[in-house]
């Protein structure tokens, strides 16, 4: 089951980091899917940062930086896989 939990607001291609504005809880270990016009991919979150500090979880309204396995794009939708 998938639930939309956010949108990519920034993508840093050289670092392969996506900044996501989340609309629900998200934690390290969760599996997410990034979907955009050119495709989609699924990955498990191995680390997250807020203000360059490692964290374990975020809540609705937070912006979080996540290292991604594949290229994504700004405005890509992010879904949590249950």
PDB file of N, CA and C in Angstrom:
ATOM      1  N   UNK A   1       0.836  -1.175   0.000  1.00  0.00           N
ATOM      2  CA  UNK A   1       0.000   0.000   0.000  1.00  0.00           C
ATOM      3  C   UNK A   1       0.891   1.253   0.000  1.00  0.00           C
ATOM      4  N   UNK A   2       0.506   2.244  -0.782  1.00  0.00           N
ATOM      5  CA  UNK A   2       1.277   3.479  -0.879  1.00  0.00           C
ATOM      6  C   UNK A   2       0.463   4.650  -0.359  1.00  0.00           C
ATOM      7  N   UNK A   3       1.155   5.585   0.291  1.00  0.00           N
ATOM      8  CA  UNK A   3       0.515   6.805   0.775  1.00  0.00           C
ATOM      9  C   UNK A   3       1.420   7.973   0.431  1.00  0.00           C
ATOM     10  N   UNK A   4       0.881   8.982  -0.249  1.00  0.00           N
ATOM     11  CA  UNK A   4       1.692  10.151  -0.581  1.00  0.00           C
ATOM     12  C   UNK A   4       2.047  10.894   0.703  1.00  0.00           C
ATOM     13  N   UNK A   5       3.339  11.132   0.905  1.00  0.00           N
ATOM     14  CA  UNK A   5       3.788  11.770   2.148  1.00  0.00           C
ATOM     15  C   UNK A   5       4.654  12.996   1.904  1.00  0.00           C
ATOM     16  N   UNK A   6       4.775  13.435   0.649  1.00  0.00           N
ATOM     17  CA  UNK A   6       5.562  14.626   0.427  1.00  0.00           C
ATOM     18  C   UNK A   6       5.929  14.863  -1.015  1.00  0.00           C
ATOM     19  N   UNK A   7       6.742  15.923  -1.194  1.00  0.00           N
ATOM     20  CA  UNK A   7       7.166  16.328  -2.522  1.00  0.00           C
ATOM     21  C   UNK A   7       8.610  16.813  -2.432  1.00  0.00           C
ATOM     22  N   UNK A   8       9.391  16.498  -3.476  1.00  0.00           N
ATOM     23  CA  UNK A   8      10.773  16.959  -3.539  1.00  0.00           C
ATOM     24  C   UNK A   8      10.763  18.462  -3.834  1.00  0.00           C
ATOM     25  N   UNK A   9      11.397  19.249  -2.955  1.00  0.00           N
ATOM     26  CA  UNK A   9      11.469  20.700  -3.160  1.00  0.00           C
ATOM     27  C   UNK A   9      12.793  21.115  -3.786  1.00  0.00           C
ATOM     28  N   UNK A  10      13.846  20.342  -3.542  1.00  0.00           N
ATOM     29  CA  UNK A  10      15.158  20.597  -4.132  1.00  0.00           C
ATOM     30  C   UNK A  10      15.829  19.254  -4.407  1.00  0.00           C
ATOM     31  N   UNK A  11      16.646  19.229  -5.457  1.00  0.00           N
ATOM     32  CA  UNK A  11      17.424  18.031  -5.740  1.00  0.00           C
ATOM     33  C   UNK A  11      18.841  18.455  -6.087  1.00  0.00           C
ATOM     34  N   UNK A  12      19.798  17.896  -5.375  1.00  0.00           N
ATOM     35  CA  UNK A  12      21.207  18.187  -5.605  1.00  0.00           C
ATOM     36  C   UNK A  12      21.817  16.987  -6.319  1.00  0.00           C
ATOM     37  N   UNK A  13      21.976  17.120  -7.651  1.00  0.00           N
ATOM     38  CA  UNK A  13      22.368  15.966  -8.461  1.00  0.00           C
ATOM     39  C   UNK A  13      23.773  15.458  -8.176  1.00  0.00           C
ATOM     40  N   UNK A  14      24.733  16.339  -7.917  1.00  0.00           N
ATOM     41  CA  UNK A  14      26.104  15.864  -7.663  1.00  0.00           C
ATOM     42  C   UNK A  14      26.181  15.089  -6.357  1.00  0.00           C
ATOM     43  N   UNK A  15      25.443  15.514  -5.345  1.00  0.00           N
ATOM     44  CA  UNK A  15      25.444  14.828  -4.046  1.00  0.00           C
ATOM     45  C   UNK A  15      24.396  13.716  -3.993  1.00  0.00           C
ATOM     46  N   UNK A  16      23.494  13.684  -4.981  1.00  0.00           N
ATOM     47  CA  UNK A  16      22.375  12.731  -5.008  1.00  0.00           C
ATOM     48  C   UNK A  16      21.563  12.831  -3.712  1.00  0.00           C
ATOM     49  N   UNK A  17      21.151  14.051  -3.391  1.00  0.00           N
ATOM     50  CA  UNK A  17      20.363  14.322  -2.192  1.00  0.00           C
ATOM     51  C   UNK A  17      19.083  15.027  -2.603  1.00  0.00           C
ATOM     52  N   UNK A  18      17.957  14.531  -2.093  1.00  0.00           N
ATOM     53  CA  UNK A  18      16.655  15.151  -2.323  1.00  0.00           C
ATOM     54  C   UNK A  18      16.180  15.781  -1.023  1.00  0.00           C
ATOM     55  N   UNK A  19      15.689  17.021  -1.116  1.00  0.00           N
ATOM     56  CA  UNK A  19      15.070  17.684   0.027  1.00  0.00           C
ATOM     57  C   UNK A  19      13.562  17.527  -0.149  1.00  0.00           C
ATOM     58  N   UNK A  20      12.927  16.981   0.876  1.00  0.00           N
ATOM     59  CA  UNK A  20      11.507  16.656   0.799  1.00  0.00           C
ATOM     60  C   UNK A  20      10.737  17.439   1.849  1.00  0.00           C
ATOM     61  N   UNK A  21       9.641  18.068   1.436  1.00  0.00           N
ATOM     62  CA  UNK A  21       8.694  18.680   2.367  1.00  0.00           C
ATOM     63  C   UNK A  21       7.685  17.572   2.674  1.00  0.00           C
ATOM     64  N   UNK A  22       7.663  17.102   3.926  1.00  0.00           N
ATOM     65  CA  UNK A  22       6.834  15.950   4.274  1.00  0.00           C
ATOM     66  C   UNK A  22       5.485  16.374   4.838  1.00  0.00           C
ATOM     67  N   UNK A  23       4.470  15.579   4.542  1.00  0.00           N
ATOM     68  CA  UNK A  23       3.113  15.842   5.014  1.00  0.00           C
ATOM     69  C   UNK A  23       2.647  14.771   6.003  1.00  0.00           C
ATOM     70  N   UNK A  24       3.568  13.912   6.416  1.00  0.00           N
ATOM     71  CA  UNK A  24       3.259  12.839   7.362  1.00  0.00           C
ATOM     72  C   UNK A  24       4.561  12.408   8.036  1.00  0.00           C
ATOM     73  N   UNK A  25       4.477  11.516   8.995  1.00  0.00           N
ATOM     74  CA  UNK A  25       5.675  11.021   9.680  1.00  0.00           C
ATOM     75  C   UNK A  25       6.526  10.190   8.730  1.00  0.00           C
ATOM     76  N   UNK A  26       7.842  10.273   8.932  1.00  0.00           N
ATOM     77  CA  UNK A  26       8.784   9.496   8.133  1.00  0.00           C
ATOM     78  C   UNK A  26       9.985   9.211   9.009  1.00  0.00           C
ATOM     79  N   UNK A  27      10.535   7.978   8.907  1.00  0.00           N
ATOM     80  CA  UNK A  27      11.683   7.635   9.750  1.00  0.00           C
ATOM     81  C   UNK A  27      12.691   6.795   8.972  1.00  0.00           C
ATOM     82  N   UNK A  28      13.916   6.760   9.492  1.00  0.00           N
ATOM     83  CA  UNK A  28      14.954   5.917   8.916  1.00  0.00           C
ATOM     84  C   UNK A  28      14.447   4.473   8.948  1.00  0.00           C
ATOM     85  N   UNK A  29      14.645   3.765   7.850  1.00  0.00           N
ATOM     86  CA  UNK A  29      14.173   2.387   7.736  1.00  0.00           C
ATOM     87  C   UNK A  29      12.897   2.267   6.919  1.00  0.00           C
ATOM     88  N   UNK A  30      12.143   3.384   6.781  1.00  0.00           N
ATOM     89  CA  UNK A  30      10.930   3.356   5.955  1.00  0.00           C
ATOM     90  C   UNK A  30      11.310   3.169   4.488  1.00  0.00           C
ATOM     91  N   UNK A  31      10.404   2.578   3.729  1.00  0.00           N
ATOM     92  CA  UNK A  31      10.582   2.427   2.292  1.00  0.00           C
ATOM     93  C   UNK A  31       9.720   3.471   1.598  1.00  0.00           C
ATOM     94  N   UNK A  32      10.325   4.204   0.662  1.00  0.00           N
ATOM     95  CA  UNK A  32       9.615   5.257  -0.056  1.00  0.00           C
ATOM     96  C   UNK A  32       9.772   5.067  -1.557  1.00  0.00           C
ATOM     97  N   UNK A  33       8.827   5.654  -2.291  1.00  0.00           N
ATOM     98  CA  UNK A  33       8.890   5.648  -3.748  1.00  0.00           C
ATOM     99  C   UNK A  33       8.912   7.098  -4.221  1.00  0.00           C
ATOM    100  N   UNK A  34       9.838   7.408  -5.114  1.00  0.00           N
ATOM    101  CA  UNK A  34       9.913   8.714  -5.753  1.00  0.00           C
ATOM    102  C   UNK A  34       9.310   8.564  -7.147  1.00  0.00           C
ATOM    103  N   UNK A  35       8.320   9.387  -7.485  1.00  0.00           N
ATOM    104  CA  UNK A  35       7.663   9.291  -8.791  1.00  0.00           C
ATOM    105  C   UNK A  35       7.656  10.656  -9.468  1.00  0.00           C
ATOM    106  N   UNK A  36       8.126  10.683 -10.718  1.00  0.00           N
ATOM    107  CA  UNK A  36       8.134  11.910 -11.518  1.00  0.00           C
ATOM    108  C   UNK A  36       7.840  11.541 -12.967  1.00  0.00           C
ATOM    109  N   UNK A  37       7.750  12.541 -13.816  1.00  0.00           N
ATOM    110  CA  UNK A  37       7.331  12.327 -15.207  1.00  0.00           C
ATOM    111  C   UNK A  37       8.214  11.345 -15.972  1.00  0.00           C
ATOM    112  N   UNK A  38       9.494  11.267 -15.608  1.00  0.00           N
ATOM    113  CA  UNK A  38      10.421  10.412 -16.353  1.00  0.00           C
ATOM    114  C   UNK A  38      10.586   9.020 -15.759  1.00  0.00           C
ATOM    115  N   UNK A  39       9.910   8.735 -14.657  1.00  0.00           N
ATOM    116  CA  UNK A  39      10.004   7.409 -14.069  1.00  0.00           C
ATOM    117  C   UNK A  39       9.820   7.428 -12.565  1.00  0.00           C
ATOM    118  N   UNK A  40      10.130   6.304 -11.967  1.00  0.00           N
ATOM    119  CA  UNK A  40      10.004   6.170 -10.525  1.00  0.00           C
ATOM    120  C   UNK A  40      10.976   5.124 -10.020  1.00  0.00           C
ATOM    121  N   UNK A  41      11.276   5.196  -8.717  1.00  0.00           N
ATOM    122  CA  UNK A  41      12.101   4.178  -8.085  1.00  0.00           C
ATOM    123  C   UNK A  41      11.740   4.108  -6.609  1.00  0.00           C
ATOM    124  N   UNK A  42      12.061   2.973  -6.020  1.00  0.00           N
ATOM    125  CA  UNK A  42      11.767   2.722  -4.611  1.00  0.00           C
ATOM    126  C   UNK A  42      13.080   2.471  -3.882  1.00  0.00           C
ATOM    127  N   UNK A  43      13.166   2.967  -2.649  1.00  0.00           N
ATOM    128  CA  UNK A  43      14.355   2.723  -1.840  1.00  0.00           C
ATOM    129  C   UNK A  43      13.999   2.792  -0.362  1.00  0.00           C
ATOM    130  N   UNK A  44      14.860   2.199   0.442  1.00  0.00           N
ATOM    131  CA  UNK A  44      14.731   2.295   1.891  1.00  0.00           C
ATOM    132  C   UNK A  44      15.563   3.489   2.357  1.00  0.00           C
ATOM    133  N   UNK A  45      15.024   4.253   3.302  1.00  0.00           N
ATOM    134  CA  UNK A  45      15.750   5.406   3.825  1.00  0.00           C
ATOM    135  C   UNK A  45      16.815   4.921   4.790  1.00  0.00           C
ATOM    136  N   UNK A  46      18.075   5.230   4.457  1.00  0.00           N
ATOM    137  CA  UNK A  46      19.184   4.799   5.317  1.00  0.00           C
ATOM    138  C   UNK A  46      19.663   5.924   6.228  1.00  0.00           C
ATOM    139  N   UNK A  47      19.426   7.179   5.812  1.00  0.00           N
ATOM    140  CA  UNK A  47      19.798   8.310   6.666  1.00  0.00           C
ATOM    141  C   UNK A  47      19.010   9.540   6.249  1.00  0.00           C
ATOM    142  N   UNK A  48      18.814  10.430   7.220  1.00  0.00           N
ATOM    143  CA  UNK A  48      18.109  11.686   6.972  1.00  0.00           C
ATOM    144  C   UNK A  48      18.830  12.788   7.733  1.00  0.00           C
ATOM    145  N   UNK A  49      18.731  14.011   7.203  1.00  0.00           N
ATOM    146  CA  UNK A  49      19.331  15.153   7.890  1.00  0.00           C
ATOM    147  C   UNK A  49      18.388  16.346   7.856  1.00  0.00           C
ATOM    148  N   UNK A  50      18.419  17.106   8.942  1.00  0.00           N
ATOM    149  CA  UNK A  50      17.761  18.401   9.022  1.00  0.00           C
ATOM    150  C   UNK A  50      18.833  19.373   9.510  1.00  0.00           C
ATOM    151  N   UNK A  51      19.037  20.451   8.775  1.00  0.00           N
ATOM    152  CA  UNK A  51      20.075  21.430   9.106  1.00  0.00           C
ATOM    153  C   UNK A  51      21.441  20.764   9.295  1.00  0.00           C
ATOM    154  N   UNK A  52      21.773  19.824   8.415  1.00  0.00           N
ATOM    155  CA  UNK A  52      23.069  19.123   8.400  1.00  0.00           C
ATOM    156  C   UNK A  52      23.313  18.271   9.653  1.00  0.00           C
ATOM    157  N   UNK A  53      22.241  17.905  10.364  1.00  0.00           N
ATOM    158  CA  UNK A  53      22.359  17.023  11.536  1.00  0.00           C
ATOM    159  C   UNK A  53      21.577  15.749  11.263  1.00  0.00           C
ATOM    160  N   UNK A  54      22.212  14.597  11.548  1.00  0.00           N
ATOM    161  CA  UNK A  54      21.530  13.323  11.359  1.00  0.00           C
ATOM    162  C   UNK A  54      20.368  13.208  12.335  1.00  0.00           C
ATOM    163  N   UNK A  55      19.243  12.722  11.822  1.00  0.00           N
ATOM    164  CA  UNK A  55      18.056  12.509  12.645  1.00  0.00           C
ATOM    165  C   UNK A  55      17.460  11.155  12.298  1.00  0.00           C
ATOM    166  N   UNK A  56      16.554  10.682  13.161  1.00  0.00           N
ATOM    167  CA  UNK A  56      15.920   9.382  12.935  1.00  0.00           C
ATOM    168  C   UNK A  56      14.508   9.485  12.376  1.00  0.00           C
ATOM    169  N   UNK A  57      13.832  10.640  12.608  1.00  0.00           N
ATOM    170  CA  UNK A  57      12.453  10.771  12.145  1.00  0.00           C
ATOM    171  C   UNK A  57      12.080  12.238  11.972  1.00  0.00           C
ATOM    172  N   UNK A  58      11.026  12.461  11.176  1.00  0.00           N
ATOM    173  CA  UNK A  58      10.468  13.798  10.975  1.00  0.00           C
ATOM    174  C   UNK A  58       8.948  13.706  11.055  1.00  0.00           C
ATOM    175  N   UNK A  59       8.319  14.873  11.219  1.00  0.00           N
ATOM    176  CA  UNK A  59       6.862  14.932  11.291  1.00  0.00           C
ATOM    177  C   UNK A  59       6.327  15.809  10.166  1.00  0.00           C
ATOM    178  N   UNK A  60       5.018  15.825  10.004  1.00  0.00           N
ATOM    179  CA  UNK A  60       4.378  16.632   8.965  1.00  0.00           C
ATOM    180  C   UNK A  60       4.818  18.083   9.069  1.00  0.00           C
ATOM    181  N   UNK A  61       5.138  18.677   7.923  1.00  0.00           N
ATOM    182  CA  UNK A  61       5.555  20.070   7.867  1.00  0.00           C
ATOM    183  C   UNK A  61       7.057  20.272   7.835  1.00  0.00           C
ATOM    184  N   UNK A  62       7.819  19.234   8.201  1.00  0.00           N
ATOM    185  CA  UNK A  62       9.284  19.337   8.202  1.00  0.00           C
ATOM    186  C   UNK A  62       9.842  19.223   6.787  1.00  0.00           C
ATOM    187  N   UNK A  63      11.041  19.762   6.587  1.00  0.00           N
ATOM    188  CA  UNK A  63      11.808  19.530   5.371  1.00  0.00           C
ATOM    189  C   UNK A  63      13.020  18.711   5.754  1.00  0.00           C
ATOM    190  N   UNK A  64      13.267  17.643   5.019  1.00  0.00           N
ATOM    191  CA  UNK A  64      14.334  16.718   5.353  1.00  0.00           C
ATOM    192  C   UNK A  64      15.156  16.401   4.113  1.00  0.00           C
ATOM    193  N   UNK A  65      16.455  16.239   4.292  1.00  0.00           N
ATOM    194  CA  UNK A  65      17.352  15.857   3.200  1.00  0.00           C
ATOM    195  C   UNK A  65      17.603  14.353   3.280  1.00  0.00           C
ATOM    196  N   UNK A  66      17.432  13.684   2.151  1.00  0.00           N
ATOM    197  CA  UNK A  66      17.604  12.233   2.078  1.00  0.00           C
ATOM    198  C   UNK A  66      18.547  11.909   0.929  1.00  0.00           C
ATOM    199  N   UNK A  67      19.532  11.067   1.191  1.00  0.00           N
ATOM    200  CA  UNK A  67      20.430  10.557   0.141  1.00  0.00           C
ATOM    201  C   UNK A  67      19.619   9.577  -0.703  1.00  0.00           C
ATOM    202  N   UNK A  68      19.622   9.781  -2.028  1.00  0.00           N
ATOM    203  CA  UNK A  68      18.830   8.914  -2.902  1.00  0.00           C
ATOM    204  C   UNK A  68      19.733   8.006  -3.731  1.00  0.00           C
ATOM    205  N   UNK A  69      19.192   6.847  -4.102  1.00  0.00           N
ATOM    206  CA  UNK A  69      19.931   5.847  -4.866  1.00  0.00           C
ATOM    207  C   UNK A  69      19.965   6.153  -6.358  1.00  0.00           C
ATOM    208  N   UNK A  70      18.949   6.891  -6.836  1.00  0.00           N
ATOM    209  CA  UNK A  70      18.837   7.211  -8.251  1.00  0.00           C
ATOM    210  C   UNK A  70      18.464   8.682  -8.388  1.00  0.00           C
ATOM    211  N   UNK A  71      18.658   9.203  -9.589  1.00  0.00           N
ATOM    212  CA  UNK A  71      18.307  10.601  -9.840  1.00  0.00           C
ATOM    213  C   UNK A  71      16.806  10.793  -9.742  1.00  0.00           C
ATOM    214  N   UNK A  72      16.413  11.937  -9.188  1.00  0.00           N
ATOM    215  CA  UNK A  72      15.010  12.320  -9.134  1.00  0.00           C
ATOM    216  C   UNK A  72      14.906  13.767  -9.594  1.00  0.00           C
ATOM    217  N   UNK A  73      13.771  14.390  -9.421  1.00  0.00           N
ATOM    218  CA  UNK A  73      13.565  15.752  -9.902  1.00  0.00           C
ATOM    219  C   UNK A  73      12.776  16.557  -8.876  1.00  0.00           C
ATOM    220  N   UNK A  74      12.958  17.875  -8.916  1.00  0.00           N
ATOM    221  CA  UNK A  74      12.119  18.735  -8.092  1.00  0.00           C
ATOM    222  C   UNK A  74      10.668  18.527  -8.515  1.00  0.00           C
ATOM    223  N   UNK A  75       9.768  18.587  -7.571  1.00  0.00           N
ATOM    224  CA  UNK A  75       8.330  18.360  -7.743  1.00  0.00           C
ATOM    225  C   UNK A  75       7.952  16.887  -7.831  1.00  0.00           C
ATOM    226  N   UNK A  76       8.923  15.978  -7.738  1.00  0.00           N
ATOM    227  CA  UNK A  76       8.590  14.549  -7.712  1.00  0.00           C
ATOM    228  C   UNK A  76       7.756  14.265  -6.461  1.00  0.00           C
ATOM    229  N   UNK A  77       6.785  13.414  -6.609  1.00  0.00           N
ATOM    230  CA  UNK A  77       5.958  13.016  -5.467  1.00  0.00           C
ATOM    231  C   UNK A  77       6.669  11.890  -4.713  1.00  0.00           C
ATOM    232  N   UNK A  78       6.500  11.889  -3.389  1.00  0.00           N
ATOM    233  CA  UNK A  78       7.125  10.874  -2.562  1.00  0.00           C
ATOM    234  C   UNK A  78       6.022  10.101  -1.843  1.00  0.00           C
ATOM    235  N   UNK A  79       6.086   8.778  -1.963  1.00  0.00           N
ATOM    236  CA  UNK A  79       5.082   7.900  -1.350  1.00  0.00           C
ATOM    237  C   UNK A  79       5.759   7.000  -0.338  1.00  0.00           C
ATOM    238  N   UNK A  80       5.095   6.767   0.789  1.00  0.00           N
ATOM    239  CA  UNK A  80       5.576   5.802   1.788  1.00  0.00           C
ATOM    240  C   UNK A  80       4.936   4.461   1.456  1.00  0.00           C
ATOM    241  N   UNK A  81       5.744   3.418   1.412  1.00  0.00           N
ATOM    242  CA  UNK A  81       5.262   2.060   1.128  1.00  0.00           C
ATOM    243  C   UNK A  81       5.012   1.364   2.461  1.00  0.00           C
ATOM    244  N   UNK A  82       3.790   0.934   2.668  1.00  0.00           N
ATOM    245  CA  UNK A  82       3.424   0.253   3.921  1.00  0.00           C
ATOM    246  C   UNK A  82       3.569  -1.241   3.755  1.00  0.00           C
TER     247      UNK A  82
END
